[in-house]
Amino acid sequence: MDDRPRRSDFREFVRTHHPDVGGDQATFVAGLAAYRPAVIRADDPRLAADVVFRRTPHGLLAVVDRMVRWYAQRRRPPRVR
């Protein structure tokens, strides 16, 4: 089964109706429900999971962070005995 036309239709729908680009939220939610596969139900616990963002250091702090992690990994005992 080829899902490329369906995927392209979905992408076009999101580009035009997403609330961040000025679309109506109710229309967007209804469209997502229409495109959602029948296998995934609305009460699926995977859909209720929180999104977690992790900030990584930049610049000199990133270099220091990598060195600290490398040193800690080198001093860790082996996993296999």
PDB file of N, CA and C in Angstrom:
ATOM      1  N   MET A   1       0.837  -1.185   0.000  1.00  0.00           N
ATOM      2  CA  MET A   1       0.000   0.000   0.000  1.00  0.00           C
ATOM      3  C   MET A   1       0.880   1.246   0.000  1.00  0.00           C
ATOM      4  N   ASP A   2       0.635   2.137  -0.901  1.00  0.00           N
ATOM      5  CA  ASP A   2       1.428   3.352  -1.017  1.00  0.00           C
ATOM      6  C   ASP A   2       0.712   4.486  -0.285  1.00  0.00           C
ATOM      7  N   ASP A   3       1.394   5.042   0.724  1.00  0.00           N
ATOM      8  CA  ASP A   3       0.770   6.116   1.506  1.00  0.00           C
ATOM      9  C   ASP A   3       1.335   7.485   1.148  1.00  0.00           C
ATOM     10  N   ARG A   4       2.057   7.606   0.048  1.00  0.00           N
ATOM     11  CA  ARG A   4       2.636   8.897  -0.311  1.00  0.00           C
ATOM     12  C   ARG A   4       1.597   9.967  -0.629  1.00  0.00           C
ATOM     13  N   PRO A   5       0.559   9.677  -1.406  1.00  0.00           N
ATOM     14  CA  PRO A   5      -0.440  10.737  -1.640  1.00  0.00           C
ATOM     15  C   PRO A   5      -1.110  11.167  -0.342  1.00  0.00           C
ATOM     16  N   ARG A   6      -1.386  10.229   0.532  1.00  0.00           N
ATOM     17  CA  ARG A   6      -2.015  10.563   1.797  1.00  0.00           C
ATOM     18  C   ARG A   6      -1.079  11.418   2.647  1.00  0.00           C
ATOM     19  N   ARG A   7       0.196  11.085   2.684  1.00  0.00           N
ATOM     20  CA  ARG A   7       1.154  11.864   3.457  1.00  0.00           C
ATOM     21  C   ARG A   7       1.302  13.274   2.899  1.00  0.00           C
ATOM     22  N   SER A   8       1.355  13.387   1.589  1.00  0.00           N
ATOM     23  CA  SER A   8       1.482  14.722   0.993  1.00  0.00           C
ATOM     24  C   SER A   8       0.220  15.548   1.248  1.00  0.00           C
ATOM     25  N   ASP A   9      -0.943  14.890   1.202  1.00  0.00           N
ATOM     26  CA  ASP A   9      -2.185  15.602   1.521  1.00  0.00           C
ATOM     27  C   ASP A   9      -2.169  16.088   2.970  1.00  0.00           C
ATOM     28  N   PHE A  10      -1.687  15.230   3.862  1.00  0.00           N
ATOM     29  CA  PHE A  10      -1.632  15.604   5.274  1.00  0.00           C
ATOM     30  C   PHE A  10      -0.687  16.779   5.492  1.00  0.00           C
ATOM     31  N   ARG A  11       0.479  16.735   4.854  1.00  0.00           N
ATOM     32  CA  ARG A  11       1.438  17.836   5.002  1.00  0.00           C
ATOM     33  C   ARG A  11       0.866  19.151   4.492  1.00  0.00           C
ATOM     34  N   GLU A  12       0.186  19.089   3.376  1.00  0.00           N
ATOM     35  CA  GLU A  12      -0.438  20.288   2.822  1.00  0.00           C
ATOM     36  C   GLU A  12      -1.519  20.817   3.764  1.00  0.00           C
ATOM     37  N   PHE A  13      -2.305  19.907   4.335  1.00  0.00           N
ATOM     38  CA  PHE A  13      -3.332  20.308   5.297  1.00  0.00           C
ATOM     39  C   PHE A  13      -2.707  21.020   6.496  1.00  0.00           C
ATOM     40  N   VAL A  14      -1.625  20.444   7.035  1.00  0.00           N
ATOM     41  CA  VAL A  14      -0.972  21.046   8.205  1.00  0.00           C
ATOM     42  C   VAL A  14      -0.393  22.410   7.853  1.00  0.00           C
ATOM     43  N   ARG A  15       0.233  22.538   6.678  1.00  0.00           N
ATOM     44  CA  ARG A  15       0.813  23.823   6.289  1.00  0.00           C
ATOM     45  C   ARG A  15      -0.233  24.931   6.172  1.00  0.00           C
ATOM     46  N   THR A  16      -1.420  24.578   5.737  1.00  0.00           N
ATOM     47  CA  THR A  16      -2.428  25.607   5.516  1.00  0.00           C
ATOM     48  C   THR A  16      -3.326  25.867   6.721  1.00  0.00           C
ATOM     49  N   HIS A  17      -3.550  24.854   7.577  1.00  0.00           N
ATOM     50  CA  HIS A  17      -4.522  25.003   8.651  1.00  0.00           C
ATOM     51  C   HIS A  17      -3.933  25.049  10.054  1.00  0.00           C
ATOM     52  N   HIS A  18      -2.618  24.969  10.203  1.00  0.00           N
ATOM     53  CA  HIS A  18      -2.011  24.969  11.546  1.00  0.00           C
ATOM     54  C   HIS A  18      -2.270  26.319  12.221  1.00  0.00           C
ATOM     55  N   PRO A  19      -2.621  26.301  13.518  1.00  0.00           N
ATOM     56  CA  PRO A  19      -2.903  27.564  14.218  1.00  0.00           C
ATOM     57  C   PRO A  19      -1.711  28.527  14.270  1.00  0.00           C
ATOM     58  N   ASP A  20      -0.496  28.015  14.197  1.00  0.00           N
ATOM     59  CA  ASP A  20       0.678  28.897  14.228  1.00  0.00           C
ATOM     60  C   ASP A  20       0.821  29.733  12.962  1.00  0.00           C
ATOM     61  N   VAL A  21       0.185  29.320  11.876  1.00  0.00           N
ATOM     62  CA  VAL A  21       0.250  30.092  10.635  1.00  0.00           C
ATOM     63  C   VAL A  21      -1.080  30.766  10.333  1.00  0.00           C
ATOM     64  N   GLY A  22      -1.945  30.865  11.341  1.00  0.00           N
ATOM     65  CA  GLY A  22      -3.181  31.605  11.187  1.00  0.00           C
ATOM     66  C   GLY A  22      -4.412  30.773  10.902  1.00  0.00           C
ATOM     67  N   GLY A  23      -4.291  29.441  10.992  1.00  0.00           N
ATOM     68  CA  GLY A  23      -5.447  28.583  10.756  1.00  0.00           C
ATOM     69  C   GLY A  23      -6.349  28.499  11.976  1.00  0.00           C
ATOM     70  N   ASP A  24      -7.523  27.967  11.765  1.00  0.00           N
ATOM     71  CA  ASP A  24      -8.501  27.815  12.832  1.00  0.00           C
ATOM     72  C   ASP A  24      -8.184  26.549  13.627  1.00  0.00           C
ATOM     73  N   GLN A  25      -8.161  26.656  14.953  1.00  0.00           N
ATOM     74  CA  GLN A  25      -7.794  25.528  15.800  1.00  0.00           C
ATOM     75  C   GLN A  25      -8.814  24.395  15.696  1.00  0.00           C
ATOM     76  N   ALA A  26     -10.095  24.706  15.652  1.00  0.00           N
ATOM     77  CA  ALA A  26     -11.130  23.667  15.569  1.00  0.00           C
ATOM     78  C   ALA A  26     -11.018  22.889  14.258  1.00  0.00           C
ATOM     79  N   THR A  27     -10.759  23.593  13.173  1.00  0.00           N
ATOM     80  CA  THR A  27     -10.585  22.931  11.878  1.00  0.00           C
ATOM     81  C   THR A  27      -9.354  22.040  11.889  1.00  0.00           C
ATOM     82  N   PHE A  28      -8.295  22.523  12.502  1.00  0.00           N
ATOM     83  CA  PHE A  28      -7.056  21.758  12.574  1.00  0.00           C
ATOM     84  C   PHE A  28      -7.251  20.474  13.376  1.00  0.00           C
ATOM     85  N   VAL A  29      -7.908  20.572  14.539  1.00  0.00           N
ATOM     86  CA  VAL A  29      -8.142  19.397  15.378  1.00  0.00           C
ATOM     87  C   VAL A  29      -9.037  18.391  14.650  1.00  0.00           C
ATOM     88  N   ALA A  30     -10.069  18.873  13.973  1.00  0.00           N
ATOM     89  CA  ALA A  30     -10.950  17.976  13.222  1.00  0.00           C
ATOM     90  C   ALA A  30     -10.192  17.294  12.081  1.00  0.00           C
ATOM     91  N   GLY A  31      -9.324  18.024  11.418  1.00  0.00           N
ATOM     92  CA  GLY A  31      -8.528  17.443  10.340  1.00  0.00           C
ATOM     93  C   GLY A  31      -7.545  16.410  10.844  1.00  0.00           C
ATOM     94  N   LEU A  32      -6.924  16.666  11.992  1.00  0.00           N
ATOM     95  CA  LEU A  32      -6.020  15.675  12.573  1.00  0.00           C
ATOM     96  C   LEU A  32      -6.761  14.394  12.908  1.00  0.00           C
ATOM     97  N   ALA A  33      -7.981  14.529  13.432  1.00  0.00           N
ATOM     98  CA  ALA A  33      -8.778  13.340  13.738  1.00  0.00           C
ATOM     99  C   ALA A  33      -9.101  12.555  12.467  1.00  0.00           C
ATOM    100  N   ALA A  34      -9.316  13.245  11.364  1.00  0.00           N
ATOM    101  CA  ALA A  34      -9.625  12.569  10.107  1.00  0.00           C
ATOM    102  C   ALA A  34      -8.408  11.845   9.549  1.00  0.00           C
ATOM    103  N   TYR A  35      -7.222  12.421   9.703  1.00  0.00           N
ATOM    104  CA  TYR A  35      -6.004  11.805   9.179  1.00  0.00           C
ATOM    105  C   TYR A  35      -5.398  10.779  10.124  1.00  0.00           C
ATOM    106  N   ARG A  36      -5.794  10.785  11.384  1.00  0.00           N
ATOM    107  CA  ARG A  36      -5.219   9.862  12.362  1.00  0.00           C
ATOM    108  C   ARG A  36      -5.567   8.425  11.983  1.00  0.00           C
ATOM    109  N   PRO A  37      -4.597   7.517  12.059  1.00  0.00           N
ATOM    110  CA  PRO A  37      -4.900   6.118  11.739  1.00  0.00           C
ATOM    111  C   PRO A  37      -5.934   5.555  12.709  1.00  0.00           C
ATOM    112  N   ALA A  38      -6.703   4.602  12.235  1.00  0.00           N
ATOM    113  CA  ALA A  38      -7.753   4.012  13.060  1.00  0.00           C
ATOM    114  C   ALA A  38      -7.175   3.169  14.188  1.00  0.00           C
ATOM    115  N   VAL A  39      -5.909   2.780  14.074  1.00  0.00           N
ATOM    116  CA  VAL A  39      -5.287   1.934  15.094  1.00  0.00           C
ATOM    117  C   VAL A  39      -5.045   2.718  16.382  1.00  0.00           C
ATOM    118  N   ILE A  40      -4.703   3.995  16.279  1.00  0.00           N
ATOM    119  CA  ILE A  40      -4.407   4.817  17.450  1.00  0.00           C
ATOM    120  C   ILE A  40      -5.702   5.437  17.949  1.00  0.00           C
ATOM    121  N   ARG A  41      -6.035   5.150  19.178  1.00  0.00           N
ATOM    122  CA  ARG A  41      -7.247   5.708  19.770  1.00  0.00           C
ATOM    123  C   ARG A  41      -6.898   6.986  20.522  1.00  0.00           C
ATOM    124  N   ALA A  42      -7.895   7.817  20.769  1.00  0.00           N
ATOM    125  CA  ALA A  42      -7.673   9.101  21.435  1.00  0.00           C
ATOM    126  C   ALA A  42      -7.241   8.906  22.890  1.00  0.00           C
ATOM    127  N   ASP A  43      -7.610   7.788  23.521  1.00  0.00           N
ATOM    128  CA  ASP A  43      -7.240   7.570  24.918  1.00  0.00           C
ATOM    129  C   ASP A  43      -5.943   6.766  25.054  1.00  0.00           C
ATOM    130  N   ASP A  44      -5.171   6.680  23.990  1.00  0.00           N
ATOM    131  CA  ASP A  44      -3.901   5.963  24.026  1.00  0.00           C
ATOM    132  C   ASP A  44      -2.936   6.690  24.958  1.00  0.00           C
ATOM    133  N   PRO A  45      -2.333   6.006  25.934  1.00  0.00           N
ATOM    134  CA  PRO A  45      -1.437   6.688  26.875  1.00  0.00           C
ATOM    135  C   PRO A  45      -0.187   7.274  26.216  1.00  0.00           C
ATOM    136  N   ARG A  46       0.189   6.762  25.042  1.00  0.00           N
ATOM    137  CA  ARG A  46       1.362   7.317  24.365  1.00  0.00           C
ATOM    138  C   ARG A  46       1.111   8.746  23.898  1.00  0.00           C
ATOM    139  N   LEU A  47      -0.149   9.087  23.650  1.00  0.00           N
ATOM    140  CA  LEU A  47      -0.477  10.436  23.207  1.00  0.00           C
ATOM    141  C   LEU A  47      -0.546  11.425  24.360  1.00  0.00           C
ATOM    142  N   ALA A  48      -0.627  10.918  25.601  1.00  0.00           N
ATOM    143  CA  ALA A  48      -0.737  11.789  26.765  1.00  0.00           C
ATOM    144  C   ALA A  48       0.623  12.089  27.398  1.00  0.00           C
ATOM    145  N   ALA A  49       1.708  11.566  26.844  1.00  0.00           N
ATOM    146  CA  ALA A  49       3.026  11.763  27.420  1.00  0.00           C
ATOM    147  C   ALA A  49       3.465  13.218  27.270  1.00  0.00           C
ATOM    148  N   ASP A  50       4.180  13.702  28.263  1.00  0.00           N
ATOM    149  CA  ASP A  50       4.703  15.058  28.220  1.00  0.00           C
ATOM    150  C   ASP A  50       5.900  15.134  27.279  1.00  0.00           C
ATOM    151  N   VAL A  51       6.077  16.273  26.657  1.00  0.00           N
ATOM    152  CA  VAL A  51       7.231  16.520  25.806  1.00  0.00           C
ATOM    153  C   VAL A  51       8.302  17.167  26.673  1.00  0.00           C
ATOM    154  N   VAL A  52       9.508  16.629  26.610  1.00  0.00           N
ATOM    155  CA  VAL A  52      10.601  17.122  27.437  1.00  0.00           C
ATOM    156  C   VAL A  52      11.666  17.718  26.525  1.00  0.00           C
ATOM    157  N   PHE A  53      12.048  18.953  26.795  1.00  0.00           N
ATOM    158  CA  PHE A  53      13.107  19.611  26.049  1.00  0.00           C
ATOM    159  C   PHE A  53      14.355  19.631  26.909  1.00  0.00           C
ATOM    160  N   ARG A  54      15.490  19.355  26.294  1.00  0.00           N
ATOM    161  CA  ARG A  54      16.755  19.344  27.019  1.00  0.00           C
ATOM    162  C   ARG A  54      17.667  20.376  26.381  1.00  0.00           C
ATOM    163  N   ARG A  55      18.169  21.279  27.196  1.00  0.00           N
ATOM    164  CA  ARG A  55      19.109  22.278  26.687  1.00  0.00           C
ATOM    165  C   ARG A  55      20.513  21.734  26.779  1.00  0.00           C
ATOM    166  N   THR A  56      21.253  21.860  25.728  1.00  0.00           N
ATOM    167  CA  THR A  56      22.636  21.423  25.724  1.00  0.00           C
ATOM    168  C   THR A  56      23.533  22.657  25.741  1.00  0.00           C
ATOM    169  N   PRO A  57      24.665  22.546  26.386  1.00  0.00           N
ATOM    170  CA  PRO A  57      25.564  23.699  26.434  1.00  0.00           C
ATOM    171  C   PRO A  57      26.169  23.985  25.057  1.00  0.00           C
ATOM    172  N   HIS A  58      26.564  25.235  24.855  1.00  0.00           N
ATOM    173  CA  HIS A  58      27.173  25.673  23.603  1.00  0.00           C
ATOM    174  C   HIS A  58      28.542  26.263  23.898  1.00  0.00           C
ATOM    175  N   GLY A  59      29.366  26.309  22.867  1.00  0.00           N
ATOM    176  CA  GLY A  59      30.668  26.951  22.964  1.00  0.00           C
ATOM    177  C   GLY A  59      31.625  26.225  23.888  1.00  0.00           C
ATOM    178  N   LEU A  60      32.321  26.998  24.726  1.00  0.00           N
ATOM    179  CA  LEU A  60      33.320  26.438  25.623  1.00  0.00           C
ATOM    180  C   LEU A  60      32.689  25.507  26.649  1.00  0.00           C
ATOM    181  N   LEU A  61      31.484  25.821  27.098  1.00  0.00           N
ATOM    182  CA  LEU A  61      30.806  24.934  28.040  1.00  0.00           C
ATOM    183  C   LEU A  61      30.533  23.567  27.420  1.00  0.00           C
ATOM    184  N   ALA A  62      30.261  23.507  26.133  1.00  0.00           N
ATOM    185  CA  ALA A  62      30.033  22.233  25.458  1.00  0.00           C
ATOM    186  C   ALA A  62      31.305  21.399  25.447  1.00  0.00           C
ATOM    187  N   VAL A  63      32.438  22.040  25.202  1.00  0.00           N
ATOM    188  CA  VAL A  63      33.717  21.329  25.195  1.00  0.00           C
ATOM    189  C   VAL A  63      34.018  20.782  26.587  1.00  0.00           C
ATOM    190  N   VAL A  64      33.800  21.600  27.609  1.00  0.00           N
ATOM    191  CA  VAL A  64      34.050  21.160  28.979  1.00  0.00           C
ATOM    192  C   VAL A  64      33.103  20.028  29.346  1.00  0.00           C
ATOM    193  N   ASP A  65      31.852  20.129  28.951  1.00  0.00           N
ATOM    194  CA  ASP A  65      30.871  19.081  29.237  1.00  0.00           C
ATOM    195  C   ASP A  65      31.276  17.764  28.596  1.00  0.00           C
ATOM    196  N   ARG A  66      31.729  17.803  27.360  1.00  0.00           N
ATOM    197  CA  ARG A  66      32.173  16.573  26.694  1.00  0.00           C
ATOM    198  C   ARG A  66      33.389  15.975  27.384  1.00  0.00           C
ATOM    199  N   MET A  67      34.312  16.819  27.823  1.00  0.00           N
ATOM    200  CA  MET A  67      35.509  16.315  28.505  1.00  0.00           C
ATOM    201  C   MET A  67      35.140  15.662  29.839  1.00  0.00           C
ATOM    202  N   VAL A  68      34.226  16.285  30.580  1.00  0.00           N
ATOM    203  CA  VAL A  68      33.806  15.724  31.866  1.00  0.00           C
ATOM    204  C   VAL A  68      33.118  14.382  31.646  1.00  0.00           C
ATOM    205  N   ARG A  69      32.260  14.299  30.646  1.00  0.00           N
ATOM    206  CA  ARG A  69      31.585  13.025  30.364  1.00  0.00           C
ATOM    207  C   ARG A  69      32.571  11.957  29.929  1.00  0.00           C
ATOM    208  N   TRP A  70      33.547  12.329  29.094  1.00  0.00           N
ATOM    209  CA  TRP A  70      34.548  11.377  28.640  1.00  0.00           C
ATOM    210  C   TRP A  70      35.372  10.871  29.817  1.00  0.00           C
ATOM    211  N   TYR A  71      35.777  11.780  30.693  1.00  0.00           N
ATOM    212  CA  TYR A  71      36.592  11.386  31.854  1.00  0.00           C
ATOM    213  C   TYR A  71      35.791  10.470  32.781  1.00  0.00           C
ATOM    214  N   ALA A  72      34.534  10.782  33.017  1.00  0.00           N
ATOM    215  CA  ALA A  72      33.696   9.950  33.881  1.00  0.00           C
ATOM    216  C   ALA A  72      33.497   8.568  33.256  1.00  0.00           C
ATOM    217  N   GLN A  73      33.363   8.523  31.947  1.00  0.00           N
ATOM    218  CA  GLN A  73      33.179   7.239  31.274  1.00  0.00           C
ATOM    219  C   GLN A  73      34.448   6.401  31.362  1.00  0.00           C
ATOM    220  N   ARG A  74      35.590   7.032  31.254  1.00  0.00           N
ATOM    221  CA  ARG A  74      36.862   6.306  31.326  1.00  0.00           C
ATOM    222  C   ARG A  74      37.110   5.732  32.724  1.00  0.00           C
ATOM    223  N   ARG A  75      36.638   6.408  33.758  1.00  0.00           N
ATOM    224  CA  ARG A  75      36.883   5.964  35.127  1.00  0.00           C
ATOM    225  C   ARG A  75      35.838   4.972  35.620  1.00  0.00           C
ATOM    226  N   ARG A  76      34.773   4.775  34.835  1.00  0.00           N
ATOM    227  CA  ARG A  76      33.728   3.858  35.221  1.00  0.00           C
ATOM    228  C   ARG A  76      34.233   2.427  35.087  1.00  0.00           C
ATOM    229  N   PRO A  77      33.851   1.542  36.013  1.00  0.00           N
ATOM    230  CA  PRO A  77      34.293   0.143  35.886  1.00  0.00           C
ATOM    231  C   PRO A  77      33.639  -0.526  34.663  1.00  0.00           C
ATOM    232  N   PRO A  78      34.231  -1.584  34.147  1.00  0.00           N
ATOM    233  CA  PRO A  78      33.666  -2.241  32.969  1.00  0.00           C
ATOM    234  C   PRO A  78      32.300  -2.867  33.273  1.00  0.00           C
ATOM    235  N   ARG A  79      31.473  -2.945  32.261  1.00  0.00           N
ATOM    236  CA  ARG A  79      30.146  -3.517  32.457  1.00  0.00           C
ATOM    237  C   ARG A  79      30.199  -5.027  32.561  1.00  0.00           C
ATOM    238  N   VAL A  80      31.124  -5.644  31.848  1.00  0.00           N
ATOM    239  CA  VAL A  80      31.225  -7.094  31.831  1.00  0.00           C
ATOM    240  C   VAL A  80      32.341  -7.514  32.785  1.00  0.00           C
ATOM    241  N   ARG A  81      32.077  -8.506  33.576  1.00  0.00           N
ATOM    242  CA  ARG A  81      33.117  -8.973  34.507  1.00  0.00           C
ATOM    243  C   ARG A  81      33.612 -10.325  34.135  1.00  0.00           C
TER     244      ARG A  81
END
